[in-house]
Amino acid sequence: MCGRTAFSLGAANMRRACAYRDRWGRRREPEWFREERYRPSYNKGPHSSGPVLLSRRHLQQDADSSERVLMDMRWGLIPSWFKEDSPSKMQFKTSNCRSDTMLTKQSYKGPLLKGKRCVVLADGFYEWQQCSGGKQPYFIYFPQSKQDPAEGEDGDEEWRGWRLLTMAGIFECWEPPAGGEPLYTYTIITVDASKDVSFIHHRQVSAAGPLTMPAILDGDEAIRKWLDFAEVPTQEAVKLIRPTENIVFHPVSTFVNNMRNNTPECVAPIELGAQKEVKATASGKAMLSWLKNSQEGSPKKKENDLPKWTSQFIHSPSPKKTSAGILHQWLGKEGEPAAKKRKA
């Protein structure tokens, strides 16, 4: 579970989206460490790097443990005791960590008991449903509220853009035996899937065990307790690790099934079984607005560099149209909501 994620915010908007209130009620944006390494993406998989939140005290011993910083880390935890000269020589997968074994497996138990807790950030994650015609992908994320920017108590503008999915994780710092720059890596904690996510799998249990989903921290208080390892001990923090029903999802094009595809089409909603252009929807309009705004701060690509694709849901683009133009035509101007939230 949670084999792919998406995050498309530029670095500046990422900081704003992660703003929080400190112990004194002041609104603060976390400082970026190694910001230059951050690259937005619509289709991230294990071994790629992504943004995480952690307590500043992990990097500065005299810092307040409630202060947060952003750091770009590699997905797939490398234990500090790993003695090979390259992370590629790891013989087991550590992109996900089951909550029922995280305190028994040494790869996770060690850093967890040392307070190395982090929050993995993403716009959402993908999950696949096995169908007669193959695997149908879905994009899963927090419900989004459509609000205009507002000013906070201290006069700063509050973030009213896309609400990032906040997943509980464990991180580690690995140092190459021969010396060199330390490598920060993380794993995403998983829990038994909620009823919503189980629906995608027709409530079946896989041969590997119960279906799982990321442990999602819903709300700033949960994030605060998970990150503040100096004030919240491990035994208390692990109580936050549980399934959540506060998610929505929509089907997306099988375009996302190829890891090399990394454009807005990966997350845009489709109508299953539709043989014609999809009409605009309430969630589609919000998604289109988000996709357009998310381009700010993203690496620019030449039109000739854009991938070419065919889809039963999208009219084939002409060579001169950009991705944003294709999406605008595709989503249209009117329609019904496409993002669905299943009832228990």
Protein backbone atom coordinates (compact mmCIF):
# COMPACT_ATOMS: atom_id res chain seq x y z
CA MET A 1 0.00 0.00 0.00
CA CYS A 2 1.10 3.56 -0.62
CA GLY A 3 3.46 2.75 -3.44
CA ARG A 4 3.05 6.14 -5.14
CA THR A 5 2.36 9.69 -4.03
CA ALA A 6 1.97 13.09 -5.65
CA PHE A 7 3.04 16.54 -4.54
CA SER A 8 3.07 19.49 -6.90
CA LEU A 9 3.37 22.61 -4.76
CA GLY A 10 6.31 24.93 -5.33
CA ALA A 11 8.73 25.38 -2.42
CA ALA A 12 7.23 28.70 -1.27
CA ASN A 13 3.68 27.32 -1.27
CA MET A 14 4.88 24.16 0.46
CA ARG A 15 6.10 26.27 3.39
CA ARG A 16 2.83 28.20 3.53
CA ALA A 17 0.79 24.99 3.40
CA CYS A 18 2.80 23.66 6.38
CA ALA A 19 2.44 26.80 8.53
CA TYR A 20 1.54 26.18 12.18
CA ARG A 21 1.00 27.92 15.52
CA ASP A 22 3.86 27.73 18.01
CA ARG A 23 3.56 27.42 21.79
CA TRP A 24 2.74 31.13 22.02
CA GLY A 25 0.09 31.09 19.30
CA ARG A 26 2.25 32.78 16.67
CA ARG A 27 1.84 31.65 13.08
CA ARG A 28 5.10 30.28 11.71
CA GLU A 29 6.27 28.73 8.48
CA PRO A 30 8.82 25.91 8.81
CA GLU A 31 12.33 26.57 7.57
CA TRP A 32 13.50 24.53 4.58
CA PHE A 33 16.68 22.50 5.03
CA ARG A 34 18.22 21.55 1.67
CA GLU A 35 15.41 23.31 -0.17
CA GLU A 36 17.38 23.25 -3.41
CA ARG A 37 16.88 19.47 -3.63
CA TYR A 38 13.09 19.64 -3.63
CA ARG A 39 11.37 18.80 -6.94
CA PRO A 40 7.56 18.84 -7.25
CA SER A 41 6.07 15.78 -8.93
CA TYR A 42 2.77 14.14 -9.87
CA ASN A 43 4.06 10.57 -9.71
CA LYS A 44 6.58 9.76 -6.98
CA GLY A 45 7.62 6.25 -6.02
CA PRO A 46 9.98 4.60 -3.51
CA HIS A 47 13.67 5.59 -3.70
CA SER A 48 12.71 9.08 -4.88
CA SER A 49 12.97 12.07 -2.56
CA GLY A 50 10.09 13.99 -1.05
CA PRO A 51 9.27 16.62 1.60
CA VAL A 52 8.83 15.69 5.26
CA LEU A 53 8.27 17.64 8.47
CA LEU A 54 10.32 16.98 11.60
CA SER A 55 11.27 18.65 14.86
CA ARG A 56 14.07 21.19 14.57
CA ARG A 57 15.76 19.61 17.60
CA HIS A 58 16.82 16.65 15.43
CA LEU A 59 19.08 19.07 13.55
CA GLN A 60 19.86 21.57 16.33
CA GLN A 61 20.13 20.12 19.83
CA ASP A 62 19.38 23.41 21.57
CA ALA A 63 16.22 24.12 19.53
CA ASP A 64 12.67 24.01 20.86
CA SER A 65 11.33 20.54 20.08
CA SER A 66 7.98 22.02 19.03
CA GLU A 67 9.58 23.95 16.15
CA ARG A 68 9.18 22.35 12.75
CA VAL A 69 11.45 22.22 9.75
CA LEU A 70 11.01 20.91 6.22
CA MET A 71 13.54 18.57 4.70
CA ASP A 72 13.78 16.64 1.44
CA MET A 73 14.40 12.96 2.27
CA ARG A 74 14.71 9.72 0.31
CA TRP A 75 11.71 7.37 0.48
CA GLY A 76 12.80 3.98 1.84
CA LEU A 77 14.43 3.88 5.27
CA ILE A 78 18.11 2.91 5.46
CA PRO A 79 18.95 1.79 9.04
CA SER A 80 21.88 3.56 10.65
CA TRP A 81 23.51 0.17 11.26
CA PHE A 82 23.48 -0.79 7.56
CA LYS A 83 27.15 -1.45 6.69
CA GLU A 84 27.14 -1.78 2.90
CA ASP A 85 28.67 1.05 0.89
CA SER A 86 25.49 1.78 -1.09
CA PRO A 87 21.76 1.96 -0.16
CA SER A 88 21.02 0.09 -3.40
CA LYS A 89 22.38 -3.06 -1.77
CA MET A 90 19.50 -3.23 0.70
CA GLN A 91 17.91 -6.68 0.38
CA PHE A 92 14.51 -5.79 1.87
CA LYS A 93 11.90 -3.11 1.23
CA THR A 94 11.44 -0.33 3.78
CA SER A 95 9.18 2.13 1.97
CA ASN A 96 6.26 1.15 4.22
CA CYS A 97 6.25 0.02 7.85
CA ARG A 98 3.29 -1.84 9.34
CA SER A 99 2.12 -0.34 12.61
CA ASP A 100 1.75 -3.75 14.27
CA THR A 101 5.44 -4.57 13.75
CA MET A 102 7.11 -1.15 14.01
CA LEU A 103 8.07 -1.78 17.64
CA THR A 104 9.43 -5.26 16.99
CA LYS A 105 11.46 -4.91 13.78
CA GLN A 106 14.84 -3.41 14.61
CA SER A 107 14.95 -1.28 11.46
CA TYR A 108 12.02 0.75 12.80
CA LYS A 109 12.10 0.17 16.54
CA GLY A 110 15.51 1.80 17.01
CA PRO A 111 14.76 5.17 15.39
CA LEU A 112 11.18 5.20 16.72
CA LEU A 113 12.31 4.84 20.34
CA LYS A 114 14.84 7.63 19.72
CA GLY A 115 12.00 9.95 18.72
CA LYS A 116 12.81 10.03 15.02
CA ARG A 117 9.23 10.69 14.00
CA CYS A 118 8.34 12.67 10.91
CA VAL A 119 5.31 13.68 8.86
CA VAL A 120 5.42 12.73 5.19
CA LEU A 121 3.71 15.28 2.95
CA ALA A 122 1.85 14.65 -0.29
CA ASP A 123 -1.12 15.95 -2.23
CA GLY A 124 -2.42 12.39 -2.01
CA PHE A 125 -1.55 8.79 -2.81
CA TYR A 126 -2.57 6.29 -5.46
CA GLU A 127 -4.22 2.92 -4.99
CA TRP A 128 -5.19 0.38 -7.64
CA GLN A 129 -8.33 -1.71 -8.09
CA GLN A 130 -8.05 -5.00 -9.94
CA CYS A 131 -10.57 -5.02 -12.78
CA SER A 132 -11.29 -7.36 -15.67
CA GLY A 133 -9.44 -5.00 -18.00
CA GLY A 134 -6.44 -4.53 -15.71
CA LYS A 135 -5.66 -2.23 -12.78
CA GLN A 136 -7.73 0.94 -12.32
CA PRO A 137 -5.89 3.65 -10.32
CA TYR A 138 -7.53 5.96 -7.78
CA PHE A 139 -6.19 9.16 -6.23
CA ILE A 140 -6.87 9.42 -2.46
CA TYR A 141 -6.63 12.67 -0.51
CA PHE A 142 -8.14 14.89 2.20
CA PRO A 143 -11.53 16.51 1.49
CA GLN A 144 -10.87 19.99 0.14
CA SER A 145 -12.69 23.16 1.20
CA LYS A 146 -13.09 25.89 -1.39
CA GLN A 147 -12.11 29.06 0.44
CA ASP A 148 -10.43 32.32 -0.45
CA PRO A 149 -7.23 33.43 1.33
CA ALA A 150 -7.87 35.00 4.72
CA GLU A 151 -5.69 36.91 7.13
CA GLY A 152 -4.76 35.38 10.44
CA GLU A 153 -4.70 37.00 13.88
CA ASP A 154 -1.21 38.38 13.33
CA GLY A 155 -2.04 39.84 9.92
CA ASP A 156 -0.34 37.08 7.93
CA GLU A 157 -2.23 35.47 5.11
CA GLU A 158 -3.45 32.00 6.06
CA TRP A 159 -3.05 29.17 3.58
CA ARG A 160 -6.31 28.32 1.83
CA GLY A 161 -4.91 26.23 -1.01
CA TRP A 162 -4.74 22.48 -1.38
CA ARG A 163 -4.76 20.68 1.98
CA LEU A 164 -1.78 18.35 2.00
CA LEU A 165 -2.12 14.77 3.15
CA THR A 166 -0.07 14.32 6.34
CA MET A 167 1.17 10.77 6.90
CA ALA A 168 3.01 9.47 9.96
CA GLY A 169 6.54 8.33 9.25
CA ILE A 170 9.83 7.28 10.82
CA PHE A 171 13.16 8.63 9.58
CA GLU A 172 16.80 7.72 9.97
CA CYS A 173 20.19 9.21 9.17
CA TRP A 174 22.61 6.80 7.50
CA GLU A 175 26.31 7.58 7.14
CA PRO A 176 28.33 5.80 4.44
CA PRO A 177 30.97 3.54 6.07
CA ALA A 178 33.71 5.10 3.94
CA GLY A 179 32.58 8.61 4.88
CA GLY A 180 30.65 11.19 2.94
CA GLU A 181 27.42 13.12 3.23
CA PRO A 182 24.79 11.62 5.59
CA LEU A 183 21.67 10.29 3.89
CA TYR A 184 18.27 11.05 5.43
CA THR A 185 15.59 8.48 4.61
CA TYR A 186 12.06 7.72 5.79
CA THR A 187 9.35 5.07 5.82
CA ILE A 188 5.57 5.58 5.87
CA ILE A 189 3.70 3.84 8.68
CA THR A 190 0.69 1.84 7.48
CA VAL A 191 -2.44 0.64 9.27
CA ASP A 192 -5.38 -1.58 8.36
CA ALA A 193 -7.31 0.04 5.55
CA SER A 194 -10.45 2.05 6.31
CA LYS A 195 -13.75 1.01 4.76
CA ASP A 196 -13.33 3.60 2.02
CA VAL A 197 -10.00 2.26 0.83
CA SER A 198 -11.14 -1.36 1.28
CA PHE A 199 -13.89 -0.60 -1.23
CA ILE A 200 -11.27 -0.12 -3.91
CA HIS A 201 -10.16 -3.69 -3.26
CA HIS A 202 -13.71 -5.08 -3.00
CA ARG A 203 -12.94 -5.72 0.68
CA GLN A 204 -10.69 -8.65 -0.20
CA VAL A 205 -7.71 -9.67 1.91
CA SER A 206 -4.48 -10.10 -0.01
CA ALA A 207 -2.22 -13.11 0.33
CA ALA A 208 0.30 -10.92 2.16
CA GLY A 209 -2.21 -10.09 4.89
CA PRO A 210 -4.86 -7.43 5.62
CA LEU A 211 -5.13 -4.46 3.29
CA THR A 212 -3.30 -1.41 4.56
CA MET A 213 -3.23 2.35 4.05
CA PRO A 214 -0.97 5.16 5.31
CA ALA A 215 -1.43 6.22 8.93
CA ILE A 216 -2.86 9.69 8.35
CA LEU A 217 -2.52 12.41 10.99
CA ASP A 218 -5.69 14.47 10.72
CA GLY A 219 -5.26 17.98 12.13
CA ASP A 220 -2.50 20.12 13.57
CA GLU A 221 -2.84 18.74 17.12
CA ALA A 222 -2.12 15.21 15.90
CA ILE A 223 0.84 16.51 13.89
CA ARG A 224 2.15 18.42 16.93
CA LYS A 225 2.03 15.35 19.17
CA TRP A 226 3.69 13.14 16.59
CA LEU A 227 6.56 15.54 15.93
CA ASP A 228 7.27 16.83 19.45
CA PHE A 229 9.26 13.82 20.67
CA ALA A 230 10.66 15.69 23.69
CA GLU A 231 7.20 16.40 25.15
CA VAL A 232 5.23 13.41 23.82
CA PRO A 233 6.81 9.99 24.57
CA THR A 234 6.67 7.12 22.10
CA GLN A 235 4.01 5.23 24.08
CA GLU A 236 1.70 8.23 23.82
CA ALA A 237 2.53 9.07 20.21
CA VAL A 238 1.77 5.60 18.84
CA LYS A 239 -1.85 6.01 19.98
CA LEU A 240 -2.23 8.44 17.07
CA ILE A 241 -1.54 5.63 14.60
CA ARG A 242 -4.95 4.44 13.42
CA PRO A 243 -7.09 4.38 10.25
CA THR A 244 -9.07 7.45 9.25
CA GLU A 245 -12.36 7.78 7.38
CA ASN A 246 -11.73 11.44 6.56
CA ILE A 247 -10.60 10.86 2.99
CA VAL A 248 -12.09 11.14 -0.48
CA PHE A 249 -10.99 9.64 -3.77
CA HIS A 250 -11.63 9.64 -7.49
CA PRO A 251 -10.55 7.43 -10.38
CA VAL A 252 -7.69 8.68 -12.53
CA SER A 253 -6.31 7.69 -15.90
CA THR A 254 -4.11 4.59 -16.24
CA PHE A 255 -1.58 7.12 -17.50
CA VAL A 256 -0.26 7.17 -13.91
CA ASN A 257 0.56 3.45 -14.06
CA ASN A 258 3.78 4.30 -15.89
CA MET A 259 6.30 5.82 -13.47
CA ARG A 260 7.83 7.84 -16.29
CA ASN A 261 4.62 9.83 -16.72
CA ASN A 262 4.76 12.94 -14.54
CA THR A 263 2.18 15.52 -15.64
CA PRO A 264 -1.12 16.89 -14.25
CA GLU A 265 -3.06 14.13 -16.03
CA CYS A 266 -1.84 11.73 -13.32
CA VAL A 267 -4.18 13.23 -10.69
CA ALA A 268 -7.03 14.64 -12.80
CA PRO A 269 -10.43 12.93 -12.27
CA ILE A 270 -12.06 10.78 -14.94
CA GLU A 271 -15.44 9.11 -15.39
CA LEU A 272 -15.12 5.34 -15.44
CA GLY A 273 -16.43 3.79 -18.62
CA ALA A 274 -16.92 7.14 -20.32
CA GLN A 275 -16.25 7.09 -24.04
CA LYS A 276 -16.49 10.82 -24.46
CA GLU A 277 -14.92 13.95 -23.07
CA VAL A 278 -15.58 14.37 -19.34
CA LYS A 279 -17.74 17.34 -18.41
CA ALA A 280 -16.68 19.77 -15.72
CA THR A 281 -17.42 18.86 -12.12
CA ALA A 282 -17.31 20.73 -8.83
CA SER A 283 -14.30 18.71 -7.71
CA GLY A 284 -12.90 18.88 -11.22
CA LYS A 285 -12.96 22.67 -11.16
CA ALA A 286 -11.16 22.67 -7.81
CA MET A 287 -8.67 20.15 -9.18
CA LEU A 288 -8.09 22.25 -12.31
CA SER A 289 -7.50 25.37 -10.20
CA TRP A 290 -5.07 23.43 -8.02
CA LEU A 291 -3.23 22.02 -11.02
CA LYS A 292 -2.80 25.46 -12.54
CA ASN A 293 -1.64 27.05 -9.28
CA SER A 294 0.69 24.16 -8.51
CA GLN A 295 2.76 24.99 -11.56
CA GLU A 296 4.20 28.01 -9.69
CA GLY A 297 7.75 27.20 -8.76
CA SER A 298 7.72 23.92 -10.72
CA PRO A 299 10.43 23.16 -13.26
CA LYS A 300 9.41 24.40 -16.73
CA LYS A 301 9.33 21.98 -19.64
CA LYS A 302 9.43 22.68 -23.33
CA GLU A 303 6.37 21.69 -25.33
CA ASN A 304 8.40 19.16 -27.31
CA ASP A 305 9.45 17.51 -24.01
CA LEU A 306 5.87 16.79 -22.98
CA PRO A 307 4.99 13.07 -23.18
CA LYS A 308 2.52 11.96 -25.84
CA TRP A 309 -0.30 9.65 -24.80
CA THR A 310 -3.67 8.27 -25.87
CA SER A 311 -6.64 7.67 -23.59
CA GLN A 312 -10.28 6.78 -23.93
CA PHE A 313 -11.03 9.60 -21.49
CA ILE A 314 -9.07 12.40 -23.14
CA HIS A 315 -9.06 13.65 -26.71
CA SER A 316 -5.63 13.35 -28.31
CA PRO A 317 -3.90 16.73 -27.97
CA SER A 318 -2.48 18.66 -30.86
CA PRO A 319 1.30 19.19 -30.70
CA LYS A 320 0.96 22.87 -29.85
CA LYS A 321 -1.33 22.50 -26.82
CA THR A 322 0.08 22.58 -23.32
CA SER A 323 -0.96 20.22 -20.49
CA ALA A 324 -2.92 22.99 -18.79
CA GLY A 325 -4.77 23.70 -22.05
CA ILE A 326 -5.63 20.04 -22.50
CA LEU A 327 -6.96 19.82 -18.95
CA HIS A 328 -9.03 22.96 -19.39
CA GLN A 329 -10.64 21.53 -22.52
CA TRP A 330 -11.07 18.13 -20.85
CA LEU A 331 -12.72 19.32 -17.65
CA GLY A 332 -15.08 21.67 -19.51
CA LYS A 333 -17.43 24.10 -17.81
CA GLU A 334 -20.31 22.20 -16.13
CA GLY A 335 -21.11 18.89 -14.44
CA GLU A 336 -21.57 16.87 -11.28
CA PRO A 337 -18.98 16.05 -8.58
CA ALA A 338 -16.56 13.26 -9.56
CA ALA A 339 -14.71 12.85 -6.25
CA LYS A 340 -16.62 10.32 -4.17
CA LYS A 341 -16.56 9.40 -0.53
CA ARG A 342 -18.03 5.99 0.23
CA LYS A 343 -20.30 5.68 3.25
CA ALA A 344 -19.51 2.98 5.77
